Protein backbone atom coordinates (compact mmCIF):
# COMPACT_ATOMS: atom_id res chain seq x y z
CA MET A 1 -15.27 -14.91 -5.99
CA GLN A 2 -12.09 -12.85 -6.24
CA PRO A 3 -11.28 -9.88 -8.48
CA LYS A 4 -8.87 -10.60 -11.31
CA PRO A 5 -5.19 -9.71 -10.78
CA SER A 6 -3.79 -6.93 -12.87
CA SER A 7 -0.37 -5.82 -14.04
CA GLY A 8 1.31 -3.48 -16.46
CA SER A 9 0.67 0.09 -17.50
CA HIS A 10 -1.69 1.20 -20.21
CA ILE A 11 -1.38 3.95 -22.78
CA ALA A 12 -3.50 6.94 -21.81
CA ASP A 13 -4.88 9.51 -24.24
CA PRO A 14 -2.90 12.77 -24.31
CA ASP A 15 -5.36 14.74 -22.17
CA SER A 16 -5.58 12.00 -19.53
CA ALA A 17 -1.81 11.58 -19.55
CA ALA A 18 -1.27 15.30 -18.99
CA LEU A 19 -3.82 15.38 -16.18
CA SER A 20 -2.31 12.29 -14.57
CA GLY A 21 1.17 13.77 -14.78
CA ARG A 22 0.02 16.96 -13.09
CA LEU A 23 -1.72 15.01 -10.32
CA ALA A 24 1.37 12.86 -9.81
CA GLU A 25 3.39 16.04 -9.28
CA ILE A 26 0.89 17.16 -6.65
CA ALA A 27 1.10 13.76 -4.92
CA ARG A 28 4.88 13.99 -4.80
CA GLY A 29 4.77 17.55 -3.56
CA ALA A 30 2.28 16.69 -0.83
CA ALA A 31 4.47 13.84 0.39
CA LEU A 32 7.59 16.00 0.34
CA ALA A 33 5.80 18.75 2.28
CA VAL A 34 5.90 16.62 5.44
CA ARG A 35 9.46 15.34 5.07
CA MET A 36 11.20 17.69 7.48
CA PRO A 37 8.53 17.68 10.23
CA LEU A 38 8.49 13.89 10.23
CA LEU A 39 12.27 13.51 10.15
CA GLU A 40 12.60 15.96 13.04
CA ALA A 41 10.09 13.91 15.05
CA PHE A 42 11.51 10.52 14.13
CA ARG A 43 13.47 8.92 16.99
CA SER A 44 12.43 11.66 19.39
CA GLU A 45 10.35 11.14 22.49
CA MET A 46 6.68 11.10 21.53
CA ALA A 47 3.34 10.23 23.05
CA VAL A 48 1.50 7.27 21.52
CA ASP A 49 -2.28 6.81 21.42
CA TYR A 50 -4.19 3.68 20.45
CA LYS A 51 -7.07 3.33 18.01
CA ALA A 52 -8.83 0.01 17.47
CA ASP A 53 -6.56 -1.95 19.81
CA LEU A 54 -3.06 -2.01 21.30
CA HIS A 55 -1.66 -3.02 17.90
CA ASP A 56 -3.09 0.07 16.15
CA ILE A 57 -1.27 3.19 17.25
CA VAL A 58 -1.29 6.85 16.26
CA THR A 59 0.81 9.87 17.16
CA VAL A 60 0.29 13.62 17.02
CA HIS A 61 2.71 13.59 14.09
CA ASP A 62 0.31 11.47 12.00
CA ARG A 63 -2.41 14.05 12.53
CA ARG A 64 -0.20 17.06 11.88
CA ALA A 65 1.28 15.53 8.73
CA GLU A 66 -2.17 14.71 7.39
CA ALA A 67 -3.29 18.31 7.95
CA ILE A 68 -0.27 19.59 6.00
CA ILE A 69 -0.95 17.15 3.14
CA ARG A 70 -4.63 18.11 2.99
CA ALA A 71 -3.77 21.80 2.79
CA TYR A 72 -1.20 21.17 0.06
CA ILE A 73 -3.62 19.14 -2.07
CA LEU A 74 -6.44 21.66 -1.77
CA GLU A 75 -4.11 24.53 -2.62
CA HIS A 76 -2.91 22.83 -5.80
CA GLU A 77 -6.17 21.09 -6.81
CA PRO A 78 -9.24 22.68 -5.14
CA ASN A 79 -11.59 20.28 -6.95
CA SER A 80 -10.68 17.55 -4.50
CA ALA A 81 -12.13 15.29 -1.83
CA ILE A 82 -9.72 13.73 0.64
CA MET A 83 -9.91 10.53 2.64
CA GLY A 84 -7.21 10.44 5.30
CA GLU A 85 -6.45 7.66 7.73
CA GLU A 86 -6.68 10.02 10.69
CA GLY A 87 -9.19 12.69 9.61
CA GLY A 88 -11.64 10.68 7.53
CA GLN A 89 -13.44 12.04 4.49
CA THR A 90 -13.61 15.75 3.72
CA GLY A 91 -14.74 17.63 0.62
CA ASP A 92 -16.76 16.52 -2.39
CA GLY A 93 -14.58 17.38 -5.37
CA GLU A 94 -14.07 15.42 -8.58
CA PHE A 95 -10.72 14.03 -7.52
CA GLN A 96 -10.75 11.62 -4.58
CA TRP A 97 -7.47 11.48 -2.68
CA TYR A 98 -6.36 8.74 -0.29
CA VAL A 99 -3.76 9.82 2.23
CA ASP A 100 -1.78 7.88 4.80
CA PRO A 101 0.54 10.41 6.46
CA ILE A 102 2.62 7.69 8.10
CA ASP A 103 2.17 4.12 6.89
CA GLY A 104 4.06 2.14 9.50
CA THR A 105 3.32 4.32 12.52
CA ALA A 106 4.46 1.64 14.96
CA ASN A 107 7.88 1.66 13.29
CA PHE A 108 7.96 5.47 13.22
CA ALA A 109 7.10 5.69 16.92
CA ARG A 110 9.73 3.12 17.94
CA GLY A 111 12.53 4.45 15.76
CA ILE A 112 12.53 1.70 13.12
CA ALA A 113 13.32 3.15 9.70
CA PHE A 114 10.62 1.43 7.65
CA TRP A 115 7.71 3.82 7.24
CA CYS A 116 6.46 6.09 4.50
CA VAL A 117 3.98 8.68 3.30
CA SER A 118 1.36 7.46 0.83
CA VAL A 119 -0.72 9.78 -1.37
CA ALA A 120 -2.99 8.66 -4.23
CA VAL A 121 -5.69 10.25 -6.36
CA VAL A 122 -8.65 8.41 -7.85
CA ARG A 123 -11.40 9.36 -10.29
CA GLU A 124 -14.36 7.11 -11.10
CA GLY A 125 -12.77 4.18 -9.29
CA ALA A 126 -9.45 4.32 -11.14
CA VAL A 127 -6.15 5.42 -9.64
CA LEU A 128 -4.78 8.30 -11.73
CA ALA A 129 -1.55 8.95 -9.88
CA GLY A 130 0.22 8.25 -6.62
CA ALA A 131 3.36 8.62 -4.56
CA VAL A 132 4.94 6.53 -1.83
CA TYR A 133 7.74 8.43 -0.13
CA ASP A 134 10.34 7.06 2.29
CA PRO A 135 11.67 10.20 4.06
CA VAL A 136 14.49 8.44 5.93
CA ALA A 137 16.06 6.99 2.77
CA ASP A 138 14.77 9.90 0.62
CA LEU A 139 13.16 7.50 -1.87
CA MET A 140 10.25 8.82 -3.90
CA PHE A 141 8.27 6.10 -5.66
CA SER A 142 5.58 7.55 -7.91
CA ALA A 143 3.38 6.75 -10.87
CA ASP A 144 1.00 8.35 -13.32
CA LEU A 145 -1.06 6.57 -15.95
CA GLU A 146 1.91 5.91 -18.20
CA SER A 147 4.90 5.08 -16.02
CA ALA A 148 6.41 4.45 -12.61
CA GLU A 149 9.48 6.20 -11.25
CA LEU A 150 11.92 6.10 -8.38
CA ASN A 151 13.51 9.49 -7.73
CA GLY A 152 12.80 10.49 -11.31
CA ASN A 153 14.20 7.34 -12.92
CA ALA A 154 12.11 4.66 -14.62
CA LEU A 155 11.14 1.85 -12.27
CA ALA A 156 11.22 -1.76 -13.49
CA SER A 157 10.14 -4.64 -11.29
CA ARG A 158 11.90 -7.99 -11.31
CA ALA A 159 11.59 -11.12 -9.21
CA ALA A 160 13.04 -14.57 -8.71
CA ASP A 161 11.09 -16.95 -10.92
CA ASN A 162 10.83 -19.65 -8.22
CA GLU A 163 9.37 -19.01 -4.79
CA LYS A 164 12.02 -21.25 -3.21
CA HIS A 165 14.56 -18.56 -4.11
CA ALA A 166 12.31 -15.59 -3.34
CA THR A 167 11.88 -13.07 -0.53
CA LEU A 168 8.33 -12.53 0.72
CA ILE A 169 7.17 -9.58 2.81
CA THR A 170 4.05 -10.17 4.88
CA GLY A 171 2.68 -9.09 8.23
CA TYR A 172 0.48 -12.19 8.43
CA PRO A 173 -0.49 -13.31 10.97
CA VAL A 174 -1.21 -10.60 13.51
CA ALA A 175 -3.51 -10.87 16.51
CA ARG A 176 -6.66 -10.06 14.53
CA ASP A 177 -5.83 -12.88 12.08
CA PHE A 178 -5.78 -15.29 15.03
CA ARG A 179 -9.27 -14.08 15.93
CA VAL A 180 -10.64 -14.34 12.39
CA ASP A 181 -8.87 -17.42 11.01
CA GLY A 182 -8.16 -19.26 14.26
CA ARG A 183 -4.73 -19.39 15.86
CA GLU A 184 -3.91 -22.91 14.69
CA ALA A 185 -4.93 -22.27 11.08
CA ALA A 186 -3.12 -18.92 10.92
CA LEU A 187 0.10 -20.37 12.31
CA ALA A 188 -0.17 -23.31 9.91
CA ASN A 189 -0.50 -20.87 6.97
CA PHE A 190 2.49 -18.92 8.24
CA GLY A 191 4.51 -22.09 8.61
CA ILE A 192 3.87 -23.06 4.99
CA LEU A 193 5.12 -19.66 3.81
CA VAL A 194 8.20 -19.84 6.04
CA GLU A 195 9.09 -23.29 4.72
CA THR A 196 8.43 -22.35 1.08
CA PHE A 197 10.21 -19.03 0.64
CA SER A 198 13.93 -18.50 0.90
CA THR A 199 13.35 -15.46 3.12
CA LEU A 200 10.29 -14.05 4.88
CA ARG A 201 10.27 -10.55 6.38
CA ARG A 202 7.72 -8.57 8.46
CA PRO A 203 8.83 -4.91 8.19
CA GLY A 204 5.46 -3.30 8.90
CA SER A 205 4.34 -0.97 6.07
CA ALA A 206 2.17 -2.25 3.23
CA ALA A 207 2.77 0.75 0.98
CA LEU A 208 6.54 0.60 1.32
CA SER A 209 6.59 -3.19 1.03
CA ILE A 210 4.72 -3.08 -2.29
CA ALA A 211 7.02 -0.28 -3.47
CA HIS A 212 10.01 -2.50 -2.70
CA VAL A 213 8.46 -5.22 -4.85
CA ALA A 214 8.01 -2.65 -7.61
CA ALA A 215 11.70 -1.78 -7.32
CA GLY A 216 12.80 -5.43 -7.40
CA TRP A 217 14.20 -5.30 -3.85
CA ALA A 218 11.70 -7.90 -2.68
CA ASP A 219 10.00 -10.55 -4.78
CA ALA A 220 6.51 -10.55 -3.29
CA ALA A 221 4.32 -9.05 -0.60
CA ALA A 222 0.98 -10.14 0.82
CA GLY A 223 -1.43 -8.57 3.28
CA PHE A 224 -4.82 -9.28 4.83
CA GLY A 225 -5.80 -6.10 6.63
CA VAL A 226 -5.07 -3.06 4.49
CA ASN A 227 -7.09 0.05 3.69
CA ALA A 228 -7.34 2.13 0.52
CA TRP A 229 -4.99 4.78 1.90
CA ASP A 230 -2.37 2.09 2.50
CA VAL A 231 -2.24 0.66 -1.01
CA ALA A 232 -3.91 2.89 -3.61
CA ALA A 233 -0.68 4.61 -4.65
CA ALA A 234 1.39 1.44 -4.41
CA THR A 235 -0.93 -0.55 -6.67
CA LEU A 236 -0.36 1.83 -9.58
CA ILE A 237 3.37 2.02 -8.93
CA LEU A 238 3.69 -1.77 -8.94
CA LYS A 239 1.56 -2.32 -12.05
CA ASN A 240 3.36 0.34 -14.06
CA ALA A 241 6.70 -1.09 -13.00
CA GLY A 242 5.63 -4.40 -14.56
CA GLY A 243 4.57 -6.22 -11.41
CA ARG A 244 1.29 -7.95 -10.67
CA TYR A 245 -1.32 -7.05 -8.07
CA GLU A 246 -4.05 -9.49 -7.07
CA PRO A 247 -6.72 -8.06 -4.76
CA LEU A 248 -8.44 -10.29 -2.21
CA THR A 249 -11.90 -9.32 -0.97
CA LEU A 250 -11.78 -11.35 2.28
CA GLY A 251 -15.58 -11.20 2.18
CA LYS A 252 -15.59 -7.47 2.97
CA VAL A 253 -16.07 -5.82 -0.44
CA ALA A 254 -17.72 -6.71 -3.72
CA ALA A 255 -15.64 -8.73 -6.17
CA ASP A 256 -16.17 -6.14 -8.90
CA GLY A 257 -14.92 -3.24 -6.79
CA PRO A 258 -11.63 -1.38 -7.32
CA ASP A 259 -8.62 -3.46 -6.32
CA PHE A 260 -7.30 -0.79 -3.94
CA MET A 261 -10.51 -1.07 -1.89
CA CYS A 262 -9.88 -4.75 -1.15
CA PRO A 263 -8.44 -5.49 2.30
CA GLY A 264 -6.20 -8.30 1.06
CA TYR A 265 -3.63 -8.55 -1.71
CA ILE A 266 -0.83 -10.50 -3.35
CA ALA A 267 1.86 -8.33 -4.94
CA THR A 268 4.55 -9.97 -7.07
CA GLY A 269 7.39 -8.72 -9.21
CA ARG A 270 7.80 -9.31 -12.90
CA GLY A 271 8.59 -12.94 -13.69
CA ALA A 272 7.31 -14.37 -10.40
CA ASP A 273 5.50 -17.71 -10.35
CA TYR A 274 4.56 -18.45 -6.73
CA PRO A 275 1.81 -21.08 -6.56
CA THR A 276 2.17 -21.71 -2.83
CA LEU A 277 1.71 -18.05 -1.97
CA GLU A 278 -1.31 -17.85 -4.25
CA ARG A 279 -2.82 -21.01 -2.76
CA VAL A 280 -2.37 -19.90 0.85
CA ALA A 281 -3.52 -16.32 0.28
CA ARG A 282 -6.54 -17.29 -1.77
CA SER A 283 -7.53 -19.94 0.76
CA ILE A 284 -7.45 -17.34 3.54
CA SER A 285 -9.71 -15.09 1.48
CA THR A 286 -12.05 -17.93 0.49
CA SER A 287 -12.38 -18.99 4.14
CA ARG A 288 -13.27 -15.49 5.22
CA ILE A 289 -15.75 -15.10 2.36
CA ALA A 290 -17.46 -18.32 3.46
CA LYS A 291 -17.78 -16.98 7.00
CA THR A 292 -19.61 -13.91 5.72
CA GLY A 293 -22.02 -16.01 3.64
CA GLN A 294 -21.19 -14.20 0.39
């Protein structure tokens, strides 16, 4: 069983709206706080370490940026708990933050200008505010409970109505997908997407990919190995821009859990109707659910 897709903003009560707006400002400020250190490091010589495998890299700049973001958040909202990709969970405050200091570290380390900073805040399982910041292009995508913005201007998603004319962003398949789905099945799924969509791209940052869908620069994005810190901010940005976000559990989380906790997703812009993408993505999730016995 899959969670239901969601789209569109909702009208918050005045107190919640004010709180959300304040938290969105903190998210933007935290992301901006690491702009200069990261830009100075980008395209410089840097040491690279590996985490889970040779496809999962980290640099000292990830760790330093996360420390700066943590300090900024706690200074501006002490009643916080923070989950960072590099440092794990700290604190036990009312507001739970999800921080990815560099989403797209492989791109950052190699000098490819498609990476971002992602900061989101959650309370009681609901995303209250978030920011996805592209330091190279100086693009600040952000959202509170009432709206989504790009550099202070209202953000409105749009997409080609037919997938044959659409651009899809997806990193699928990577090596771990071969291991989980089988190489032949994964390549067959990829082949269907290549043949269906006008253009398919693999730029390497889930947060920034979803933000591009929210801006109408890409029509859809799909992923099958994301974490909450990758997508929490982007989900709210996309929904409030009028796009649609469908979480996929992949057999790893409960179907009634928050969508940003799901490791898979389909993100589409306003007006999109992409049955092939939905069929392929849902079949991947269903297959993985069956393997877990859920």
